[in-house]
PDB file of all heavy atoms in Angstrom:
ATOM      1  N   GLY A   1      82.453 112.509  84.038  1.00  0.00           N
ATOM      2  CA  GLY A   1      81.278 112.122  84.811  1.00  0.00           C
ATOM      3  C   GLY A   1      80.804 110.716  84.598  1.00  0.00           C
ATOM      4  O   GLY A   1      79.622 110.366  84.870  1.00  0.00           O
ATOM      5  N   LEU A   2      81.734 109.770  84.167  1.00  0.00           N
ATOM      6  CA  LEU A   2      81.411 108.406  83.906  1.00  0.00           C
ATOM      7  C   LEU A   2      82.525 107.580  84.568  1.00  0.00           C
ATOM      8  O   LEU A   2      83.711 107.916  84.392  1.00  0.00           O
ATOM      9  CB  LEU A   2      81.296 108.093  82.439  1.00  0.00           C
ATOM     10  CG  LEU A   2      80.169 108.843  81.698  1.00  0.00           C
ATOM     11  CD1 LEU A   2      80.597 109.134  80.301  1.00  0.00           C
ATOM     12  CD2 LEU A   2      78.892 108.084  81.820  1.00  0.00           C
ATOM     13  N   TYR A   3      82.133 106.462  85.264  1.00  0.00           N
ATOM     14  CA  TYR A   3      83.141 105.753  86.118  1.00  0.00           C
ATOM     15  C   TYR A   3      82.957 104.247  85.988  1.00  0.00           C
ATOM     16  O   TYR A   3      81.823 103.741  85.722  1.00  0.00           O
ATOM     17  CB  TYR A   3      83.021 106.175  87.517  1.00  0.00           C
ATOM     18  CG  TYR A   3      82.913 107.642  87.784  1.00  0.00           C
ATOM     19  CD1 TYR A   3      81.654 108.275  87.916  1.00  0.00           C
ATOM     20  CD2 TYR A   3      84.049 108.470  87.854  1.00  0.00           C
ATOM     21  CE1 TYR A   3      81.582 109.661  88.112  1.00  0.00           C
ATOM     22  CE2 TYR A   3      83.966 109.836  88.103  1.00  0.00           C
ATOM     23  CZ  TYR A   3      82.685 110.404  88.200  1.00  0.00           C
ATOM     24  OH  TYR A   3      82.609 111.793  88.429  1.00  0.00           O
ATOM     25  N   VAL A   4      84.046 103.565  86.313  1.00  0.00           N
ATOM     26  CA  VAL A   4      84.084 102.142  86.692  1.00  0.00           C
ATOM     27  C   VAL A   4      84.618 102.012  88.071  1.00  0.00           C
ATOM     28  O   VAL A   4      85.693 102.600  88.345  1.00  0.00           O
ATOM     29  CB  VAL A   4      84.826 101.246  85.712  1.00  0.00           C
ATOM     30  CG1 VAL A   4      84.651  99.785  86.071  1.00  0.00           C
ATOM     31  CG2 VAL A   4      84.459 101.513  84.294  1.00  0.00           C
ATOM     32  N   PHE A   5      83.955 101.344  88.955  1.00  0.00           N
ATOM     33  CA  PHE A   5      84.381 101.180  90.363  1.00  0.00           C
ATOM     34  C   PHE A   5      84.542  99.704  90.739  1.00  0.00           C
ATOM     35  O   PHE A   5      83.668  98.906  90.438  1.00  0.00           O
ATOM     36  CB  PHE A   5      83.422 101.837  91.299  1.00  0.00           C
ATOM     37  CG  PHE A   5      83.277 103.418  91.152  1.00  0.00           C
ATOM     38  CD1 PHE A   5      82.045 103.952  91.169  1.00  0.00           C
ATOM     39  CD2 PHE A   5      84.424 104.154  91.010  1.00  0.00           C
ATOM     40  CE1 PHE A   5      81.921 105.340  91.058  1.00  0.00           C
ATOM     41  CE2 PHE A   5      84.280 105.569  90.883  1.00  0.00           C
ATOM     42  CZ  PHE A   5      83.032 106.103  90.851  1.00  0.00           C
ATOM     43  N   SER A   6      85.555  99.389  91.448  1.00  0.00           N
ATOM     44  CA  SER A   6      85.735  98.069  92.039  1.00  0.00           C
ATOM     45  C   SER A   6      84.848  97.984  93.301  1.00  0.00           C
ATOM     46  O   SER A   6      84.479  99.052  93.844  1.00  0.00           O
ATOM     47  CB  SER A   6      87.217  97.821  92.387  1.00  0.00           C
ATOM     48  OG  SER A   6      87.964  97.738  91.150  1.00  0.00           O
ATOM     49  N   PRO A   7      84.532  96.773  93.737  1.00  0.00           N
ATOM     50  CA  PRO A   7      83.644  96.648  94.926  1.00  0.00           C
ATOM     51  C   PRO A   7      84.127  97.423  96.105  1.00  0.00           C
ATOM     52  O   PRO A   7      83.225  97.978  96.873  1.00  0.00           O
ATOM     53  CB  PRO A   7      83.615  95.109  95.151  1.00  0.00           C
ATOM     54  CG  PRO A   7      83.952  94.524  93.816  1.00  0.00           C
ATOM     55  CD  PRO A   7      84.918  95.458  93.160  1.00  0.00           C
ATOM     56  N   GLU A   8      85.402  97.479  96.400  1.00  0.00           N
ATOM     57  CA  GLU A   8      85.893  98.118  97.602  1.00  0.00           C
ATOM     58  C   GLU A   8      85.793  99.631  97.592  1.00  0.00           C
ATOM     59  O   GLU A   8      85.928 100.298  98.577  1.00  0.00           O
ATOM     60  CB  GLU A   8      87.316  97.712  97.914  1.00  0.00           C
ATOM     61  CG  GLU A   8      88.325  98.191  96.860  1.00  0.00           C
ATOM     62  CD  GLU A   8      88.578  97.103  95.790  1.00  0.00           C
ATOM     63  OE1 GLU A   8      87.670  96.336  95.455  1.00  0.00           O
ATOM     64  OE2 GLU A   8      89.702  97.025  95.270  1.00  0.00           O
ATOM     65  N   PHE A   9      85.426 100.220  96.417  1.00  0.00           N
ATOM     66  CA  PHE A   9      85.361 101.678  96.311  1.00  0.00           C
ATOM     67  C   PHE A   9      84.227 102.237  97.256  1.00  0.00           C
ATOM     68  O   PHE A   9      84.386 103.345  97.791  1.00  0.00           O
ATOM     69  CB  PHE A   9      85.085 102.102  94.850  1.00  0.00           C
ATOM     70  CG  PHE A   9      84.921 103.542  94.679  1.00  0.00           C
ATOM     71  CD1 PHE A   9      86.011 104.382  94.664  1.00  0.00           C
ATOM     72  CD2 PHE A   9      83.685 104.107  94.487  1.00  0.00           C
ATOM     73  CE1 PHE A   9      85.878 105.759  94.472  1.00  0.00           C
ATOM     74  CE2 PHE A   9      83.516 105.462  94.291  1.00  0.00           C
ATOM     75  CZ  PHE A   9      84.636 106.331  94.331  1.00  0.00           C
ATOM     76  N   ALA A  10      83.129 101.546  97.344  1.00  0.00           N
ATOM     77  CA  ALA A  10      81.955 102.078  98.041  1.00  0.00           C
ATOM     78  C   ALA A  10      82.280 102.465  99.485  1.00  0.00           C
ATOM     79  O   ALA A  10      81.815 103.462  99.976  1.00  0.00           O
ATOM     80  CB  ALA A  10      80.801 101.097  98.013  1.00  0.00           C
ATOM     81  N   GLU A  11      83.098 101.606 100.142  1.00  0.00           N
ATOM     82  CA  GLU A  11      83.389 101.884 101.563  1.00  0.00           C
ATOM     83  C   GLU A  11      84.362 103.059 101.769  1.00  0.00           C
ATOM     84  O   GLU A  11      84.500 103.566 102.876  1.00  0.00           O
ATOM     85  CB  GLU A  11      83.987 100.652 102.221  1.00  0.00           C
ATOM     86  CG  GLU A  11      85.235 100.162 101.646  1.00  0.00           C
ATOM     87  CD  GLU A  11      85.678  98.811 102.136  1.00  0.00           C
ATOM     88  OE1 GLU A  11      84.778  97.936 102.338  1.00  0.00           O
ATOM     89  OE2 GLU A  11      86.870  98.577 102.425  1.00  0.00           O
ATOM     90  N   LEU A  12      84.999 103.509 100.679  1.00  0.00           N
ATOM     91  CA  LEU A  12      85.860 104.676 100.750  1.00  0.00           C
ATOM     92  C   LEU A  12      85.160 105.977 100.510  1.00  0.00           C
ATOM     93  O   LEU A  12      85.686 107.066 100.717  1.00  0.00           O
ATOM     94  CB  LEU A  12      86.967 104.556  99.702  1.00  0.00           C
ATOM     95  CG  LEU A  12      87.854 103.276  99.693  1.00  0.00           C
ATOM     96  CD1 LEU A  12      88.791 103.290  98.508  1.00  0.00           C
ATOM     97  CD2 LEU A  12      88.577 103.192 101.049  1.00  0.00           C
ATOM     98  N   LEU A  13      83.851 105.922 100.141  1.00  0.00           N
ATOM     99  CA  LEU A  13      83.131 107.132  99.917  1.00  0.00           C
ATOM    100  C   LEU A  13      82.713 107.873 101.157  1.00  0.00           C
ATOM    101  O   LEU A  13      82.461 107.197 102.182  1.00  0.00           O
ATOM    102  CB  LEU A  13      81.865 106.810  99.084  1.00  0.00           C
ATOM    103  CG  LEU A  13      82.048 106.449  97.624  1.00  0.00           C
ATOM    104  CD1 LEU A  13      80.864 105.751  97.053  1.00  0.00           C
ATOM    105  CD2 LEU A  13      82.420 107.727  96.822  1.00  0.00           C
ATOM    106  N   PRO A  14      82.591 109.205 101.132  1.00  0.00           N
ATOM    107  CA  PRO A  14      82.097 109.875 102.293  1.00  0.00           C
ATOM    108  C   PRO A  14      80.584 109.688 102.495  1.00  0.00           C
ATOM    109  O   PRO A  14      79.839 109.488 101.495  1.00  0.00           O
ATOM    110  CB  PRO A  14      82.420 111.347 102.058  1.00  0.00           C
ATOM    111  CG  PRO A  14      82.358 111.444 100.498  1.00  0.00           C
ATOM    112  CD  PRO A  14      82.922 110.127 100.015  1.00  0.00           C
ATOM    113  N   ASP A  15      80.163 109.755 103.739  1.00  0.00           N
ATOM    114  CA  ASP A  15      78.649 109.704 103.942  1.00  0.00           C
ATOM    115  C   ASP A  15      77.997 110.976 103.387  1.00  0.00           C
ATOM    116  O   ASP A  15      76.822 110.887 102.886  1.00  0.00           O
ATOM    117  CB  ASP A  15      78.353 109.573 105.457  1.00  0.00           C
ATOM    118  CG  ASP A  15      78.818 108.236 105.998  1.00  0.00           C
ATOM    119  OD1 ASP A  15      78.751 107.225 105.260  1.00  0.00           O
ATOM    120  OD2 ASP A  15      79.255 108.204 107.150  1.00  0.00           O
ATOM    121  N   VAL A  16      78.659 112.063 103.504  1.00  0.00           N
ATOM    122  CA  VAL A  16      78.157 113.332 102.990  1.00  0.00           C
ATOM    123  C   VAL A  16      79.390 114.092 102.387  1.00  0.00           C
ATOM    124  O   VAL A  16      80.434 114.143 102.938  1.00  0.00           O
ATOM    125  CB  VAL A  16      77.537 114.250 104.070  1.00  0.00           C
ATOM    126  CG1 VAL A  16      77.062 115.544 103.460  1.00  0.00           C
ATOM    127  CG2 VAL A  16      76.362 113.503 104.731  1.00  0.00           C
ATOM    128  N   GLY A  17      79.204 114.597 101.159  1.00  0.00           N
ATOM    129  CA  GLY A  17      80.307 115.368 100.590  1.00  0.00           C
ATOM    130  C   GLY A  17      80.596 114.918  99.136  1.00  0.00           C
ATOM    131  O   GLY A  17      79.834 114.136  98.543  1.00  0.00           O
ATOM    132  N   ASP A  18      81.699 115.389  98.629  1.00  0.00           N
ATOM    133  CA  ASP A  18      82.076 115.191  97.262  1.00  0.00           C
ATOM    134  C   ASP A  18      83.267 114.241  97.144  1.00  0.00           C
ATOM    135  O   ASP A  18      84.342 114.564  97.707  1.00  0.00           O
ATOM    136  CB  ASP A  18      82.434 116.557  96.611  1.00  0.00           C
ATOM    137  CG  ASP A  18      82.621 116.446  95.077  1.00  0.00           C
ATOM    138  OD1 ASP A  18      82.785 115.361  94.579  1.00  0.00           O
ATOM    139  OD2 ASP A  18      82.610 117.496  94.446  1.00  0.00           O
ATOM    140  N   HIS A  19      83.086 113.139  96.507  1.00  0.00           N
ATOM    141  CA  HIS A  19      84.186 112.104  96.377  1.00  0.00           C
ATOM    142  C   HIS A  19      85.379 112.654  95.565  1.00  0.00           C
ATOM    143  O   HIS A  19      86.479 112.192  95.726  1.00  0.00           O
ATOM    144  CB  HIS A  19      83.687 110.839  95.719  1.00  0.00           C
ATOM    145  CG  HIS A  19      83.074 111.028  94.330  1.00  0.00           C
ATOM    146  ND1 HIS A  19      81.880 111.679  94.131  1.00  0.00           N
ATOM    147  CD2 HIS A  19      83.542 110.700  93.142  1.00  0.00           C
ATOM    148  CE1 HIS A  19      81.618 111.707  92.846  1.00  0.00           C
ATOM    149  NE2 HIS A  19      82.584 111.127  92.207  1.00  0.00           N
ATOM    150  N   GLU A  20      85.099 113.662  94.721  1.00  0.00           N
ATOM    151  CA  GLU A  20      86.240 114.212  93.911  1.00  0.00           C
ATOM    152  C   GLU A  20      87.209 115.003  94.796  1.00  0.00           C
ATOM    153  O   GLU A  20      88.333 115.318  94.339  1.00  0.00           O
ATOM    154  CB  GLU A  20      85.654 115.055  92.745  1.00  0.00           C
ATOM    155  CG  GLU A  20      84.902 114.286  91.748  1.00  0.00           C
ATOM    156  CD  GLU A  20      84.494 115.105  90.544  1.00  0.00           C
ATOM    157  OE1 GLU A  20      85.088 116.193  90.366  1.00  0.00           O
ATOM    158  OE2 GLU A  20      83.632 114.616  89.780  1.00  0.00           O
ATOM    159  N   ARG A  21      86.784 115.420  96.007  1.00  0.00           N
ATOM    160  CA  ARG A  21      87.631 116.208  96.868  1.00  0.00           C
ATOM    161  C   ARG A  21      88.206 115.332  98.024  1.00  0.00           C
ATOM    162  O   ARG A  21      89.092 115.809  98.770  1.00  0.00           O
ATOM    163  CB  ARG A  21      86.894 117.368  97.455  1.00  0.00           C
ATOM    164  CG  ARG A  21      86.381 118.399  96.381  1.00  0.00           C
ATOM    165  CD  ARG A  21      85.728 119.544  97.053  1.00  0.00           C
ATOM    166  NE  ARG A  21      85.301 120.522  96.011  1.00  0.00           N
ATOM    167  CZ  ARG A  21      84.651 121.665  96.283  1.00  0.00           C
ATOM    168  NH1 ARG A  21      84.370 121.996  97.497  1.00  0.00           N
ATOM    169  NH2 ARG A  21      84.289 122.522  95.337  1.00  0.00           N
ATOM    170  N   THR A  22      87.725 114.152  98.146  1.00  0.00           N
ATOM    171  CA  THR A  22      88.136 113.297  99.219  1.00  0.00           C
ATOM    172  C   THR A  22      88.670 111.959  98.697  1.00  0.00           C
ATOM    173  O   THR A  22      89.885 111.697  98.757  1.00  0.00           O
ATOM    174  CB  THR A  22      86.936 113.031 100.198  1.00  0.00           C
ATOM    175  OG1 THR A  22      85.830 112.495  99.455  1.00  0.00           O
ATOM    176  CG2 THR A  22      86.509 114.320 100.856  1.00  0.00           C
ATOM    177  N   THR A  23      87.795 111.106  98.236  1.00  0.00           N
ATOM    178  CA  THR A  23      88.187 109.766  97.824  1.00  0.00           C
ATOM    179  C   THR A  23      89.123 109.735  96.649  1.00  0.00           C
ATOM    180  O   THR A  23      90.126 108.973  96.634  1.00  0.00           O
ATOM    181  CB  THR A  23      86.951 108.959  97.508  1.00  0.00           C
ATOM    182  OG1 THR A  23      86.005 109.092  98.522  1.00  0.00           O
ATOM    183  CG2 THR A  23      87.296 107.441  97.363  1.00  0.00           C
ATOM    184  N   PHE A  24      88.864 110.515  95.634  1.00  0.00           N
ATOM    185  CA  PHE A  24      89.676 110.485  94.433  1.00  0.00           C
ATOM    186  C   PHE A  24      91.130 110.934  94.731  1.00  0.00           C
ATOM    187  O   PHE A  24      92.056 110.282  94.319  1.00  0.00           O
ATOM    188  CB  PHE A  24      89.092 111.329  93.328  1.00  0.00           C
ATOM    189  CG  PHE A  24      88.016 110.652  92.511  1.00  0.00           C
ATOM    190  CD1 PHE A  24      87.319 111.330  91.502  1.00  0.00           C
ATOM    191  CD2 PHE A  24      87.644 109.300  92.748  1.00  0.00           C
ATOM    192  CE1 PHE A  24      86.343 110.654  90.767  1.00  0.00           C
ATOM    193  CE2 PHE A  24      86.671 108.630  92.052  1.00  0.00           C
ATOM    194  CZ  PHE A  24      86.024 109.349  91.048  1.00  0.00           C
ATOM    195  N   PRO A  25      91.357 112.065  95.438  1.00  0.00           N
ATOM    196  CA  PRO A  25      92.751 112.398  95.728  1.00  0.00           C
ATOM    197  C   PRO A  25      93.494 111.328  96.492  1.00  0.00           C
ATOM    198  O   PRO A  25      94.664 111.093  96.278  1.00  0.00           O
ATOM    199  CB  PRO A  25      92.587 113.696  96.561  1.00  0.00           C
ATOM    200  CG  PRO A  25      91.314 114.289  96.037  1.00  0.00           C
ATOM    201  CD  PRO A  25      90.414 113.119  95.813  1.00  0.00           C
ATOM    202  N   GLN A  26      92.740 110.677  97.468  1.00  0.00           N
ATOM    203  CA  GLN A  26      93.347 109.606  98.241  1.00  0.00           C
ATOM    204  C   GLN A  26      93.785 108.466  97.310  1.00  0.00           C
ATOM    205  O   GLN A  26      94.894 107.951  97.442  1.00  0.00           O
ATOM    206  CB  GLN A  26      92.317 109.076  99.266  1.00  0.00           C
ATOM    207  CG  GLN A  26      92.735 107.923 100.089  1.00  0.00           C
ATOM    208  CD  GLN A  26      91.661 107.349 100.964  1.00  0.00           C
ATOM    209  OE1 GLN A  26      90.638 107.994 101.167  1.00  0.00           O
ATOM    210  NE2 GLN A  26      91.844 106.164 101.485  1.00  0.00           N
ATOM    211  N   LEU A  27      92.944 108.058  96.394  1.00  0.00           N
ATOM    212  CA  LEU A  27      93.274 106.990  95.484  1.00  0.00           C
ATOM    213  C   LEU A  27      94.387 107.371  94.520  1.00  0.00           C
ATOM    214  O   LEU A  27      95.252 106.552  94.184  1.00  0.00           O
ATOM    215  CB  LEU A  27      92.047 106.554  94.691  1.00  0.00           C
ATOM    216  CG  LEU A  27      90.945 105.883  95.475  1.00  0.00           C
ATOM    217  CD1 LEU A  27      89.716 105.651  94.524  1.00  0.00           C
ATOM    218  CD2 LEU A  27      91.438 104.497  95.972  1.00  0.00           C
ATOM    219  N   ALA A  28      94.418 108.655  94.137  1.00  0.00           N
ATOM    220  CA  ALA A  28      95.423 109.098  93.166  1.00  0.00           C
ATOM    221  C   ALA A  28      96.823 109.025  93.876  1.00  0.00           C
ATOM    222  O   ALA A  28      97.782 108.656  93.220  1.00  0.00           O
ATOM    223  CB  ALA A  28      95.131 110.525  92.732  1.00  0.00           C
TER     224      ALA A  28
END
């Protein structure tokens, strides 16, 4: 539950929802 994010991470986040089910799998 602790993170470091690069500036471009913010635009990859969903407007509504859980980043662990959307953004993180995409990055992985």
